[in-house]
PDB file of N, CA and C in Angstrom:
ATOM      1  N   UNK A   1       1.091  -1.001  -0.331  1.00  0.00           N
ATOM      2  CA  UNK A   1       0.423  -0.211  -0.091  1.00  0.00           C
ATOM      3  C   UNK A   1       0.959   1.567   0.242  1.00  0.00           C
ATOM      4  N   UNK A   2       0.198   2.251  -0.508  1.00  0.00           N
ATOM      5  CA  UNK A   2       1.373   3.658  -0.813  1.00  0.00           C
ATOM      6  C   UNK A   2       0.924   4.256   0.100  1.00  0.00           C
ATOM      7  N   UNK A   3       1.777   5.461   0.786  1.00  0.00           N
ATOM      8  CA  UNK A   3       1.301   5.959   1.966  1.00  0.00           C
ATOM      9  C   UNK A   3       0.961   7.255   1.165  1.00  0.00           C
ATOM     10  N   UNK A   4       0.704   8.103   1.747  1.00  0.00           N
ATOM     11  CA  UNK A   4      -0.345   8.922   1.497  1.00  0.00           C
ATOM     12  C   UNK A   4       0.512  10.254   1.581  1.00  0.00           C
ATOM     13  N   UNK A   5       0.885  11.331   0.450  1.00  0.00           N
ATOM     14  CA  UNK A   5       1.925  12.089   0.786  1.00  0.00           C
ATOM     15  C   UNK A   5       2.040  13.399   1.377  1.00  0.00           C
ATOM     16  N   UNK A   6       0.327  13.610   1.804  1.00  0.00           N
ATOM     17  CA  UNK A   6       0.205  14.948   2.680  1.00  0.00           C
ATOM     18  C   UNK A   6       0.037  14.369   4.207  1.00  0.00           C
ATOM     19  N   UNK A   7       0.799  14.650   4.809  1.00  0.00           N
ATOM     20  CA  UNK A   7       0.767  14.599   6.237  1.00  0.00           C
ATOM     21  C   UNK A   7      -0.273  14.989   7.242  1.00  0.00           C
ATOM     22  N   UNK A   8      -1.063  15.964   6.705  1.00  0.00           N
ATOM     23  CA  UNK A   8      -2.454  16.325   7.343  1.00  0.00           C
ATOM     24  C   UNK A   8      -3.659  15.160   6.578  1.00  0.00           C
ATOM     25  N   UNK A   9      -3.458  14.255   5.849  1.00  0.00           N
ATOM     26  CA  UNK A   9      -4.101  13.546   5.175  1.00  0.00           C
ATOM     27  C   UNK A   9      -4.117  12.359   5.210  1.00  0.00           C
ATOM     28  N   UNK A  10      -3.759  12.023   6.642  1.00  0.00           N
ATOM     29  CA  UNK A  10      -3.254  10.472   6.512  1.00  0.00           C
ATOM     30  C   UNK A  10      -4.186   9.551   7.186  1.00  0.00           C
ATOM     31  N   UNK A  11      -5.048   9.040   6.077  1.00  0.00           N
ATOM     32  CA  UNK A  11      -5.986   8.099   6.696  1.00  0.00           C
ATOM     33  C   UNK A  11      -5.806   6.555   7.037  1.00  0.00           C
ATOM     34  N   UNK A  12      -5.030   5.884   6.109  1.00  0.00           N
ATOM     35  CA  UNK A  12      -4.455   4.597   6.267  1.00  0.00           C
ATOM     36  C   UNK A  12      -2.813   4.936   6.324  1.00  0.00           C
ATOM     37  N   UNK A  13      -1.903   4.382   6.606  1.00  0.00           N
ATOM     38  CA  UNK A  13      -0.247   4.326   6.511  1.00  0.00           C
ATOM     39  C   UNK A  13      -0.230   2.969   6.770  1.00  0.00           C
ATOM     40  N   UNK A  14       0.869   2.222   6.070  1.00  0.00           N
ATOM     41  CA  UNK A  14       1.339   1.081   6.143  1.00  0.00           C
ATOM     42  C   UNK A  14       2.833   1.405   5.902  1.00  0.00           C
ATOM     43  N   UNK A  15       3.426   0.183   6.473  1.00  0.00           N
ATOM     44  CA  UNK A  15       5.125   0.168   6.607  1.00  0.00           C
ATOM     45  C   UNK A  15       5.236  -1.192   7.262  1.00  0.00           C
ATOM     46  N   UNK A  16       6.071  -1.986   6.340  1.00  0.00           N
ATOM     47  CA  UNK A  16       6.650  -3.167   6.654  1.00  0.00           C
ATOM     48  C   UNK A  16       7.281  -3.282   7.801  1.00  0.00           C
ATOM     49  N   UNK A  17       7.298  -4.259   8.566  1.00  0.00           N
ATOM     50  CA  UNK A  17       7.427  -4.073  10.412  1.00  0.00           C
ATOM     51  C   UNK A  17       7.152  -5.456  10.723  1.00  0.00           C
ATOM     52  N   UNK A  18       7.528  -5.276  12.221  1.00  0.00           N
ATOM     53  CA  UNK A  18       7.523  -6.706  13.250  1.00  0.00           C
ATOM     54  C   UNK A  18       7.137  -6.640  13.868  1.00  0.00           C
ATOM     55  N   UNK A  19       6.447  -7.237  14.814  1.00  0.00           N
ATOM     56  CA  UNK A  19       6.017  -7.102  16.188  1.00  0.00           C
ATOM     57  C   UNK A  19       7.113  -7.955  17.177  1.00  0.00           C
ATOM     58  N   UNK A  20       7.351  -7.110  17.918  1.00  0.00           N
ATOM     59  CA  UNK A  20       9.119  -7.249  18.519  1.00  0.00           C
ATOM     60  C   UNK A  20       8.504  -7.722  20.188  1.00  0.00           C
ATOM     61  N   UNK A  21       7.968  -7.110  20.791  1.00  0.00           N
ATOM     62  CA  UNK A  21       7.912  -7.158  22.298  1.00  0.00           C
ATOM     63  C   UNK A  21       5.914  -6.881  22.312  1.00  0.00           C
ATOM     64  N   UNK A  22       5.431  -7.667  23.283  1.00  0.00           N
ATOM     65  CA  UNK A  22       3.995  -7.618  23.670  1.00  0.00           C
ATOM     66  C   UNK A  22       4.101  -7.583  25.169  1.00  0.00           C
ATOM     67  N   UNK A  23       3.651  -6.413  26.099  1.00  0.00           N
ATOM     68  CA  UNK A  23       3.865  -6.281  27.407  1.00  0.00           C
ATOM     69  C   UNK A  23       2.166  -6.132  27.743  1.00  0.00           C
ATOM     70  N   UNK A  24       1.601  -6.896  28.933  1.00  0.00           N
ATOM     71  CA  UNK A  24       0.541  -6.600  29.591  1.00  0.00           C
ATOM     72  C   UNK A  24       0.816  -5.308  30.382  1.00  0.00           C
ATOM     73  N   UNK A  25      -0.056  -4.117  30.566  1.00  0.00           N
ATOM     74  CA  UNK A  25      -0.083  -2.996  30.843  1.00  0.00           C
ATOM     75  C   UNK A  25      -1.185  -3.021  32.496  1.00  0.00           C
ATOM     76  N   UNK A  26      -0.800  -2.312  33.423  1.00  0.00           N
ATOM     77  CA  UNK A  26      -1.757  -2.673  34.704  1.00  0.00           C
ATOM     78  C   UNK A  26      -3.228  -2.179  34.464  1.00  0.00           C
ATOM     79  N   UNK A  27      -3.302  -1.678  33.221  1.00  0.00           N
ATOM     80  CA  UNK A  27      -4.968  -1.101  32.968  1.00  0.00           C
ATOM     81  C   UNK A  27      -5.752  -2.442  32.327  1.00  0.00           C
ATOM     82  N   UNK A  28      -4.672  -3.417  31.949  1.00  0.00           N
ATOM     83  CA  UNK A  28      -5.296  -4.816  31.212  1.00  0.00           C
ATOM     84  C   UNK A  28      -5.400  -4.355  29.981  1.00  0.00           C
ATOM     85  N   UNK A  29      -4.294  -3.322  29.601  1.00  0.00           N
ATOM     86  CA  UNK A  29      -4.295  -3.121  27.952  1.00  0.00           C
ATOM     87  C   UNK A  29      -2.649  -3.710  27.574  1.00  0.00           C
ATOM     88  N   UNK A  30      -2.959  -3.669  26.645  1.00  0.00           N
ATOM     89  CA  UNK A  30      -1.047  -4.083  25.932  1.00  0.00           C
ATOM     90  C   UNK A  30      -0.239  -3.064  25.032  1.00  0.00           C
ATOM     91  N   UNK A  31       0.822  -3.291  25.311  1.00  0.00           N
ATOM     92  CA  UNK A  31       1.925  -2.432  24.855  1.00  0.00           C
ATOM     93  C   UNK A  31       2.932  -3.134  24.314  1.00  0.00           C
ATOM     94  N   UNK A  32       2.347  -2.819  22.852  1.00  0.00           N
ATOM     95  CA  UNK A  32       3.326  -3.595  21.531  1.00  0.00           C
ATOM     96  C   UNK A  32       4.313  -2.503  21.341  1.00  0.00           C
ATOM     97  N   UNK A  33       5.668  -3.142  20.863  1.00  0.00           N
ATOM     98  CA  UNK A  33       6.736  -2.709  20.246  1.00  0.00           C
ATOM     99  C   UNK A  33       6.723  -2.827  18.917  1.00  0.00           C
ATOM    100  N   UNK A  34       6.663  -2.122  17.919  1.00  0.00           N
ATOM    101  CA  UNK A  34       6.683  -2.751  16.557  1.00  0.00           C
ATOM    102  C   UNK A  34       7.558  -2.096  15.870  1.00  0.00           C
ATOM    103  N   UNK A  35       8.683  -2.553  15.241  1.00  0.00           N
ATOM    104  CA  UNK A  35       9.961  -2.398  14.594  1.00  0.00           C
ATOM    105  C   UNK A  35       9.846  -1.826  12.916  1.00  0.00           C
ATOM    106  N   UNK A  36      10.108  -1.393  12.221  1.00  0.00           N
ATOM    107  CA  UNK A  36      10.221  -1.396  10.811  1.00  0.00           C
ATOM    108  C   UNK A  36      10.959  -2.346  10.201  1.00  0.00           C
ATOM    109  N   UNK A  37      10.806  -2.787   9.808  1.00  0.00           N
ATOM    110  CA  UNK A  37      12.031  -3.727   8.769  1.00  0.00           C
ATOM    111  C   UNK A  37      12.790  -3.282   7.851  1.00  0.00           C
ATOM    112  N   UNK A  38      12.668  -1.959   7.566  1.00  0.00           N
ATOM    113  CA  UNK A  38      13.776  -1.481   6.692  1.00  0.00           C
ATOM    114  C   UNK A  38      13.893   0.019   7.105  1.00  0.00           C
ATOM    115  N   UNK A  39      14.979   0.464   6.457  1.00  0.00           N
ATOM    116  CA  UNK A  39      14.914   1.845   6.178  1.00  0.00           C
ATOM    117  C   UNK A  39      13.883   2.759   5.845  1.00  0.00           C
ATOM    118  N   UNK A  40      13.208   3.835   6.210  1.00  0.00           N
ATOM    119  CA  UNK A  40      11.903   4.300   5.883  1.00  0.00           C
ATOM    120  C   UNK A  40      12.785   5.371   5.055  1.00  0.00           C
ATOM    121  N   UNK A  41      11.959   6.012   3.914  1.00  0.00           N
ATOM    122  CA  UNK A  41      12.185   7.389   3.671  1.00  0.00           C
ATOM    123  C   UNK A  41      11.881   8.330   4.476  1.00  0.00           C
ATOM    124  N   UNK A  42      12.469   9.490   4.427  1.00  0.00           N
ATOM    125  CA  UNK A  42      12.333  10.797   5.595  1.00  0.00           C
ATOM    126  C   UNK A  42      11.110  10.701   5.456  1.00  0.00           C
ATOM    127  N   UNK A  43      10.210  11.228   4.475  1.00  0.00           N
ATOM    128  CA  UNK A  43       8.754  11.704   4.317  1.00  0.00           C
ATOM    129  C   UNK A  43       7.806  10.665   4.932  1.00  0.00           C
ATOM    130  N   UNK A  44       7.938   9.181   5.047  1.00  0.00           N
ATOM    131  CA  UNK A  44       7.534   8.276   5.875  1.00  0.00           C
ATOM    132  C   UNK A  44       7.770   8.280   7.284  1.00  0.00           C
ATOM    133  N   UNK A  45       9.107   8.339   7.677  1.00  0.00           N
ATOM    134  CA  UNK A  45       9.544   8.829   8.967  1.00  0.00           C
ATOM    135  C   UNK A  45       8.808  10.105   9.585  1.00  0.00           C
ATOM    136  N   UNK A  46       8.743  11.298   8.699  1.00  0.00           N
ATOM    137  CA  UNK A  46       7.994  12.331   9.603  1.00  0.00           C
ATOM    138  C   UNK A  46       6.146  11.490   9.274  1.00  0.00           C
ATOM    139  N   UNK A  47       5.902  11.578   8.576  1.00  0.00           N
ATOM    140  CA  UNK A  47       4.292  10.938   8.872  1.00  0.00           C
ATOM    141  C   UNK A  47       4.132   9.819  10.297  1.00  0.00           C
ATOM    142  N   UNK A  48       5.249   8.847  10.579  1.00  0.00           N
ATOM    143  CA  UNK A  48       5.018   8.342  11.874  1.00  0.00           C
ATOM    144  C   UNK A  48       5.308   9.210  12.715  1.00  0.00           C
ATOM    145  N   UNK A  49       6.194  10.369  13.085  1.00  0.00           N
ATOM    146  CA  UNK A  49       6.312  11.363  14.113  1.00  0.00           C
ATOM    147  C   UNK A  49       5.684  11.933  14.472  1.00  0.00           C
ATOM    148  N   UNK A  50       4.614  12.320  13.236  1.00  0.00           N
ATOM    149  CA  UNK A  50       3.748  13.405  13.021  1.00  0.00           C
ATOM    150  C   UNK A  50       2.072  12.452  13.748  1.00  0.00           C
ATOM    151  N   UNK A  51       2.286  10.950  13.949  1.00  0.00           N
ATOM    152  CA  UNK A  51       1.277  10.344  14.173  1.00  0.00           C
ATOM    153  C   UNK A  51       1.345   9.792  15.762  1.00  0.00           C
ATOM    154  N   UNK A  52       2.734  10.217  16.455  1.00  0.00           N
ATOM    155  CA  UNK A  52       3.221   9.589  17.479  1.00  0.00           C
ATOM    156  C   UNK A  52       1.984  10.181  18.762  1.00  0.00           C
ATOM    157  N   UNK A  53       1.689   9.431  19.562  1.00  0.00           N
ATOM    158  CA  UNK A  53       0.508  10.134  20.167  1.00  0.00           C
ATOM    159  C   UNK A  53      -0.910  10.406  20.203  1.00  0.00           C
ATOM    160  N   UNK A  54      -0.869   9.801  18.906  1.00  0.00           N
ATOM    161  CA  UNK A  54      -2.266  10.023  18.510  1.00  0.00           C
ATOM    162  C   UNK A  54      -3.260   8.507  18.419  1.00  0.00           C
ATOM    163  N   UNK A  55      -4.379   8.484  18.802  1.00  0.00           N
ATOM    164  CA  UNK A  55      -5.055   7.587  18.720  1.00  0.00           C
ATOM    165  C   UNK A  55      -5.237   6.889  17.484  1.00  0.00           C
ATOM    166  N   UNK A  56      -5.454   5.668  17.266  1.00  0.00           N
ATOM    167  CA  UNK A  56      -5.876   4.946  15.751  1.00  0.00           C
ATOM    168  C   UNK A  56      -6.165   3.757  16.144  1.00  0.00           C
ATOM    169  N   UNK A  57      -6.261   3.200  14.827  1.00  0.00           N
ATOM    170  CA  UNK A  57      -6.542   1.803  14.794  1.00  0.00           C
ATOM    171  C   UNK A  57      -5.452   1.000  14.028  1.00  0.00           C
ATOM    172  N   UNK A  58      -4.686  -0.172  15.111  1.00  0.00           N
ATOM    173  CA  UNK A  58      -3.754  -0.953  14.899  1.00  0.00           C
ATOM    174  C   UNK A  58      -4.026  -2.131  13.842  1.00  0.00           C
ATOM    175  N   UNK A  59      -3.560  -2.241  12.923  1.00  0.00           N
ATOM    176  CA  UNK A  59      -3.929  -3.443  11.547  1.00  0.00           C
ATOM    177  C   UNK A  59      -2.682  -4.382  11.488  1.00  0.00           C
ATOM    178  N   UNK A  60      -2.769  -5.214  11.778  1.00  0.00           N
ATOM    179  CA  UNK A  60      -1.767  -6.179  11.381  1.00  0.00           C
ATOM    180  C   UNK A  60      -1.647  -7.537  10.491  1.00  0.00           C
ATOM    181  N   UNK A  61      -0.496  -7.577   9.404  1.00  0.00           N
ATOM    182  CA  UNK A  61      -1.272  -8.848   8.480  1.00  0.00           C
ATOM    183  C   UNK A  61      -0.016  -9.459   8.101  1.00  0.00           C
ATOM    184  N   UNK A  62       0.234 -10.638   7.746  1.00  0.00           N
ATOM    185  CA  UNK A  62       1.473 -10.936   7.108  1.00  0.00           C
ATOM    186  C   UNK A  62       1.869 -10.793   6.188  1.00  0.00           C
ATOM    187  N   UNK A  63       0.617  -9.652   5.249  1.00  0.00           N
ATOM    188  CA  UNK A  63       1.134  -9.593   3.765  1.00  0.00           C
ATOM    189  C   UNK A  63       0.750  -8.297   3.899  1.00  0.00           C
ATOM    190  N   UNK A  64       1.378  -7.420   2.367  1.00  0.00           N
ATOM    191  CA  UNK A  64       0.489  -6.414   2.300  1.00  0.00           C
ATOM    192  C   UNK A  64      -0.603  -5.889   2.182  1.00  0.00           C
ATOM    193  N   UNK A  65      -1.202  -4.873   3.446  1.00  0.00           N
ATOM    194  CA  UNK A  65      -2.279  -4.471   3.601  1.00  0.00           C
ATOM    195  C   UNK A  65      -3.002  -3.437   2.523  1.00  0.00           C
ATOM    196  N   UNK A  66      -3.746  -3.543   1.694  1.00  0.00           N
ATOM    197  CA  UNK A  66      -4.845  -2.793   0.924  1.00  0.00           C
ATOM    198  C   UNK A  66      -5.867  -2.152   1.736  1.00  0.00           C
ATOM    199  N   UNK A  67      -6.469  -0.715   1.557  1.00  0.00           N
ATOM    200  CA  UNK A  67      -7.360  -0.153   2.141  1.00  0.00           C
ATOM    201  C   UNK A  67      -8.548  -0.950   1.594  1.00  0.00           C
ATOM    202  N   UNK A  68      -8.834  -1.962   1.138  1.00  0.00           N
ATOM    203  CA  UNK A  68     -10.042  -2.760   0.551  1.00  0.00           C
ATOM    204  C   UNK A  68      -9.901  -4.074   2.047  1.00  0.00           C
ATOM    205  N   UNK A  69      -9.101  -4.047   2.187  1.00  0.00           N
ATOM    206  CA  UNK A  69      -8.518  -5.367   3.537  1.00  0.00           C
ATOM    207  C   UNK A  69      -8.930  -4.500   4.662  1.00  0.00           C
ATOM    208  N   UNK A  70      -9.748  -3.236   4.985  1.00  0.00           N
ATOM    209  CA  UNK A  70      -9.516  -2.812   6.196  1.00  0.00           C
ATOM    210  C   UNK A  70     -10.953  -2.550   6.183  1.00  0.00           C
ATOM    211  N   UNK A  71     -12.146  -2.954   7.138  1.00  0.00           N
ATOM    212  CA  UNK A  71     -12.967  -2.909   7.482  1.00  0.00           C
ATOM    213  C   UNK A  71     -13.601  -1.174   7.809  1.00  0.00           C
ATOM    214  N   UNK A  72     -14.731  -0.734   7.390  1.00  0.00           N
ATOM    215  CA  UNK A  72     -14.800   0.338   7.659  1.00  0.00           C
ATOM    216  C   UNK A  72     -15.592   0.486   9.572  1.00  0.00           C
ATOM    217  N   UNK A  73     -14.789   1.178  10.452  1.00  0.00           N
ATOM    218  CA  UNK A  73     -15.588   0.987  12.139  1.00  0.00           C
ATOM    219  C   UNK A  73     -15.412   2.318  12.165  1.00  0.00           C
ATOM    220  N   UNK A  74     -16.616   2.725  13.164  1.00  0.00           N
ATOM    221  CA  UNK A  74     -16.025   3.803  13.982  1.00  0.00           C
ATOM    222  C   UNK A  74     -15.476   3.674  14.946  1.00  0.00           C
ATOM    223  N   UNK A  75     -15.199   4.690  15.981  1.00  0.00           N
ATOM    224  CA  UNK A  75     -14.264   4.417  17.164  1.00  0.00           C
ATOM    225  C   UNK A  75     -15.850   4.870  18.332  1.00  0.00           C
ATOM    226  N   UNK A  76     -15.461   3.745  18.888  1.00  0.00           N
ATOM    227  CA  UNK A  76     -16.521   4.121  19.940  1.00  0.00           C
ATOM    228  C   UNK A  76     -15.778   4.490  21.332  1.00  0.00           C
ATOM    229  N   UNK A  77     -16.182   5.776  21.678  1.00  0.00           N
ATOM    230  CA  UNK A  77     -15.421   6.830  22.424  1.00  0.00           C
ATOM    231  C   UNK A  77     -15.519   5.882  23.792  1.00  0.00           C
ATOM    232  N   UNK A  78     -16.765   5.218  24.089  1.00  0.00           N
ATOM    233  CA  UNK A  78     -16.641   4.665  25.403  1.00  0.00           C
ATOM    234  C   UNK A  78     -15.594   3.766  25.740  1.00  0.00           C
ATOM    235  N   UNK A  79     -15.325   2.947  24.646  1.00  0.00           N
ATOM    236  CA  UNK A  79     -14.556   2.021  24.751  1.00  0.00           C
ATOM    237  C   UNK A  79     -13.211   2.524  24.635  1.00  0.00           C
ATOM    238  N   UNK A  80     -13.086   3.494  23.711  1.00  0.00           N
ATOM    239  CA  UNK A  80     -11.686   3.965  23.222  1.00  0.00           C
ATOM    240  C   UNK A  80     -10.673   4.890  24.071  1.00  0.00           C
ATOM    241  N   UNK A  81     -11.276   5.544  24.494  1.00  0.00           N
ATOM    242  CA  UNK A  81     -11.039   6.994  25.577  1.00  0.00           C
ATOM    243  C   UNK A  81     -11.042   6.136  27.153  1.00  0.00           C
ATOM    244  N   UNK A  82     -10.050   6.769  27.695  1.00  0.00           N
ATOM    245  CA  UNK A  82      -9.942   6.169  29.357  1.00  0.00           C
ATOM    246  C   UNK A  82     -10.516   7.036  30.260  1.00  0.00           C
ATOM    247  N   UNK A  83     -11.239   6.286  31.380  1.00  0.00           N
ATOM    248  CA  UNK A  83     -12.356   6.917  32.340  1.00  0.00           C
ATOM    249  C   UNK A  83     -11.018   8.110  33.057  1.00  0.00           C
ATOM    250  N   UNK A  84     -11.548   9.006  33.326  1.00  0.00           N
ATOM    251  CA  UNK A  84     -11.104   9.916  34.385  1.00  0.00           C
ATOM    252  C   UNK A  84     -10.292   9.304  35.062  1.00  0.00           C
ATOM    253  N   UNK A  85     -10.814   8.236  36.105  1.00  0.00           N
ATOM    254  CA  UNK A  85     -10.355   7.406  36.824  1.00  0.00           C
ATOM    255  C   UNK A  85      -8.973   6.834  36.668  1.00  0.00           C
ATOM    256  N   UNK A  86      -8.917   6.009  35.155  1.00  0.00           N
ATOM    257  CA  UNK A  86      -7.958   5.486  34.677  1.00  0.00           C
ATOM    258  C   UNK A  86      -7.092   6.532  34.115  1.00  0.00           C
ATOM    259  N   UNK A  87      -7.175   7.620  33.976  1.00  0.00           N
ATOM    260  CA  UNK A  87      -6.320   8.983  33.367  1.00  0.00           C
ATOM    261  C   UNK A  87      -5.748   9.035  34.591  1.00  0.00           C
ATOM    262  N   UNK A  88      -6.299   9.506  35.837  1.00  0.00           N
ATOM    263  CA  UNK A  88      -5.133   9.611  37.220  1.00  0.00           C
ATOM    264  C   UNK A  88      -4.612   8.883  37.694  1.00  0.00           C
ATOM    265  N   UNK A  89      -5.008   7.268  37.412  1.00  0.00           N
ATOM    266  CA  UNK A  89      -4.315   6.560  38.142  1.00  0.00           C
ATOM    267  C   UNK A  89      -3.028   6.242  36.921  1.00  0.00           C
ATOM    268  N   UNK A  90      -3.177   6.726  35.994  1.00  0.00           N
ATOM    269  CA  UNK A  90      -1.578   6.721  34.811  1.00  0.00           C
ATOM    270  C   UNK A  90      -0.730   7.662  35.164  1.00  0.00           C
ATOM    271  N   UNK A  91      -1.420   8.859  35.625  1.00  0.00           N
ATOM    272  CA  UNK A  91      -0.191  10.042  35.930  1.00  0.00           C
ATOM    273  C   UNK A  91       0.105   9.611  37.342  1.00  0.00           C
ATOM    274  N   UNK A  92      -0.775   9.053  38.317  1.00  0.00           N
ATOM    275  CA  UNK A  92       0.078   8.797  39.453  1.00  0.00           C
ATOM    276  C   UNK A  92       0.980   7.754  39.372  1.00  0.00           C
ATOM    277  N   UNK A  93       0.900   6.950  38.452  1.00  0.00           N
ATOM    278  CA  UNK A  93       1.838   5.712  38.132  1.00  0.00           C
ATOM    279  C   UNK A  93       3.369   6.631  37.738  1.00  0.00           C
ATOM    280  N   UNK A  94       3.309   7.591  36.694  1.00  0.00           N
ATOM    281  CA  UNK A  94       3.792   8.138  36.111  1.00  0.00           C
ATOM    282  C   UNK A  94       4.887   9.154  37.074  1.00  0.00           C
ATOM    283  N   UNK A  95       4.305   9.566  38.180  1.00  0.00           N
ATOM    284  CA  UNK A  95       4.963  10.319  39.324  1.00  0.00           C
ATOM    285  C   UNK A  95       5.663   9.338  39.860  1.00  0.00           C
ATOM    286  N   UNK A  96       5.274   8.039  40.149  1.00  0.00           N
ATOM    287  CA  UNK A  96       5.615   7.363  41.130  1.00  0.00           C
ATOM    288  C   UNK A  96       6.978   6.682  39.991  1.00  0.00           C
ATOM    289  N   UNK A  97       6.755   6.437  39.119  1.00  0.00           N
ATOM    290  CA  UNK A  97       8.219   6.000  38.011  1.00  0.00           C
ATOM    291  C   UNK A  97       9.032   6.869  38.020  1.00  0.00           C
ATOM    292  N   UNK A  98       8.745   7.930  37.890  1.00  0.00           N
ATOM    293  CA  UNK A  98       9.964   8.931  37.448  1.00  0.00           C
ATOM    294  C   UNK A  98      10.421   9.720  38.896  1.00  0.00           C
ATOM    295  N   UNK A  99       9.530   9.893  40.042  1.00  0.00           N
ATOM    296  CA  UNK A  99       9.771  10.863  40.951  1.00  0.00           C
ATOM    297  C   UNK A  99      10.253   9.834  42.309  1.00  0.00           C
ATOM    298  N   UNK A 100      10.223   8.572  42.740  1.00  0.00           N
ATOM    299  CA  UNK A 100      10.494   7.886  43.664  1.00  0.00           C
ATOM    300  C   UNK A 100      11.568   6.879  43.288  1.00  0.00           C
ATOM    301  N   UNK A 101      11.904   6.388  44.664  1.00  0.00           N
ATOM    302  CA  UNK A 101      13.375   5.378  44.244  1.00  0.00           C
ATOM    303  C   UNK A 101      12.327   4.063  44.724  1.00  0.00           C
ATOM    304  N   UNK A 102      10.936   3.921  44.354  1.00  0.00           N
ATOM    305  CA  UNK A 102      10.269   2.505  44.025  1.00  0.00           C
ATOM    306  C   UNK A 102      10.204   1.802  45.503  1.00  0.00           C
ATOM    307  N   UNK A 103      11.078   2.173  46.687  1.00  0.00           N
ATOM    308  CA  UNK A 103      10.873   1.393  47.762  1.00  0.00           C
ATOM    309  C   UNK A 103       9.644   0.873  48.266  1.00  0.00           C
ATOM    310  N   UNK A 104       8.634   2.155  47.899  1.00  0.00           N
ATOM    311  CA  UNK A 104       7.185   1.659  48.084  1.00  0.00           C
ATOM    312  C   UNK A 104       6.698   1.118  46.961  1.00  0.00           C
ATOM    313  N   UNK A 105       5.496  -0.063  47.263  1.00  0.00           N
ATOM    314  CA  UNK A 105       4.948  -0.125  46.213  1.00  0.00           C
ATOM    315  C   UNK A 105       3.874   0.520  45.239  1.00  0.00           C
ATOM    316  N   UNK A 106       3.741   0.801  44.167  1.00  0.00           N
ATOM    317  CA  UNK A 106       2.759   1.591  43.404  1.00  0.00           C
ATOM    318  C   UNK A 106       1.650   1.535  44.279  1.00  0.00           C
ATOM    319  N   UNK A 107       1.116   0.489  44.418  1.00  0.00           N
ATOM    320  CA  UNK A 107      -0.464   0.590  44.950  1.00  0.00           C
ATOM    321  C   UNK A 107      -0.476   1.374  46.777  1.00  0.00           C
ATOM    322  N   UNK A 108       0.783   0.950  47.175  1.00  0.00           N
ATOM    323  CA  UNK A 108       0.804   1.744  48.644  1.00  0.00           C
ATOM    324  C   UNK A 108       0.892   3.632  48.224  1.00  0.00           C
ATOM    325  N   UNK A 109       1.756   3.797  47.016  1.00  0.00           N
ATOM    326  CA  UNK A 109       2.215   4.801  46.543  1.00  0.00           C
ATOM    327  C   UNK A 109       0.934   5.766  46.091  1.00  0.00           C
ATOM    328  N   UNK A 110      -0.219   4.707  45.488  1.00  0.00           N
ATOM    329  CA  UNK A 110      -1.001   5.514  44.569  1.00  0.00           C
ATOM    330  C   UNK A 110      -2.413   5.571  45.671  1.00  0.00           C
ATOM    331  N   UNK A 111      -2.200   4.758  46.839  1.00  0.00           N
ATOM    332  CA  UNK A 111      -3.356   4.994  47.930  1.00  0.00           C
ATOM    333  C   UNK A 111      -2.998   6.419  48.372  1.00  0.00           C
ATOM    334  N   UNK A 112      -1.657   6.544  48.812  1.00  0.00           N
ATOM    335  CA  UNK A 112      -1.024   7.486  49.572  1.00  0.00           C
ATOM    336  C   UNK A 112      -1.509   9.133  48.870  1.00  0.00           C
ATOM    337  N   UNK A 113      -1.305   8.858  47.649  1.00  0.00           N
ATOM    338  CA  UNK A 113      -1.820  10.233  46.479  1.00  0.00           C
ATOM    339  C   UNK A 113      -3.067  10.318  46.960  1.00  0.00           C
ATOM    340  N   UNK A 114      -4.089   9.480  46.512  1.00  0.00           N
ATOM    341  CA  UNK A 114      -5.370   9.615  46.838  1.00  0.00           C
ATOM    342  C   UNK A 114      -5.787   9.917  47.681  1.00  0.00           C
ATOM    343  N   UNK A 115      -5.474   9.633  48.942  1.00  0.00           N
ATOM    344  CA  UNK A 115      -5.748  10.275  49.966  1.00  0.00           C
ATOM    345  C   UNK A 115      -5.293  11.181  50.224  1.00  0.00           C
ATOM    346  N   UNK A 116      -4.393  11.688  49.682  1.00  0.00           N
ATOM    347  CA  UNK A 116      -3.811  13.460  49.982  1.00  0.00           C
ATOM    348  C   UNK A 116      -4.724  14.114  48.960  1.00  0.00           C
ATOM    349  N   UNK A 117      -5.053  13.359  47.690  1.00  0.00           N
ATOM    350  CA  UNK A 117      -6.144  14.286  46.989  1.00  0.00           C
ATOM    351  C   UNK A 117      -7.416  14.407  47.764  1.00  0.00           C
ATOM    352  N   UNK A 118      -8.173  13.377  48.139  1.00  0.00           N
ATOM    353  CA  UNK A 118      -9.533  12.950  48.819  1.00  0.00           C
ATOM    354  C   UNK A 118      -9.745  14.378  50.091  1.00  0.00           C
ATOM    355  N   UNK A 119      -8.336  14.305  50.937  1.00  0.00           N
ATOM    356  CA  UNK A 119      -8.099  15.232  52.177  1.00  0.00           C
ATOM    357  C   UNK A 119      -8.391  16.465  51.401  1.00  0.00           C
ATOM    358  N   UNK A 120      -7.768  17.125  50.138  1.00  0.00           N
ATOM    359  CA  UNK A 120      -7.362  18.176  49.928  1.00  0.00           C
ATOM    360  C   UNK A 120      -9.143  18.695  49.413  1.00  0.00           C
ATOM    361  N   UNK A 121      -9.588  17.821  48.813  1.00  0.00           N
ATOM    362  CA  UNK A 121     -10.581  18.220  48.383  1.00  0.00           C
ATOM    363  C   UNK A 121     -11.765  18.237  49.638  1.00  0.00           C
ATOM    364  N   UNK A 122     -11.981  17.454  50.754  1.00  0.00           N
ATOM    365  CA  UNK A 122     -12.527  17.248  51.698  1.00  0.00           C
ATOM    366  C   UNK A 122     -12.433  18.916  52.362  1.00  0.00           C
ATOM    367  N   UNK A 123     -11.458  19.564  52.347  1.00  0.00           N
ATOM    368  CA  UNK A 123     -10.811  21.051  52.562  1.00  0.00           C
ATOM    369  C   UNK A 123     -11.504  21.791  52.097  1.00  0.00           C
ATOM    370  N   UNK A 124     -12.072  21.445  51.061  1.00  0.00           N
ATOM    371  CA  UNK A 124     -12.632  22.623  50.166  1.00  0.00           C
ATOM    372  C   UNK A 124     -13.878  22.945  49.915  1.00  0.00           C
ATOM    373  N   UNK A 125     -14.748  21.504  50.939  1.00  0.00           N
ATOM    374  CA  UNK A 125     -16.046  21.395  50.987  1.00  0.00           C
ATOM    375  C   UNK A 125     -16.586  22.514  52.096  1.00  0.00           C
TER     376      UNK A 125
END
């Protein structure tokens, strides 16, 4: 499949790749590491960098994919978006991962942070 030339108009972008690592996450989602199997032209690399952090659909096939191979589906925002509590837990995990020595487990750290947040909100009542 050929990729689109305009970065703003990326509806489908295909690149030969290999799934090299799969991890289970604490929120029961999967983290996939996908490596390209050949060096990409600068334009294709820019398209991938433009897509970084965006939500989309991941399609994998052991053969080249064409647009006709991909079913038309809409994004169910109730399923695809994280709930506010999931987002908060993920941010607390990032704080724990980045700012602590990890002597406390994440669960203990999470409860302590949540207690602080709850107590602060109670003070504002």
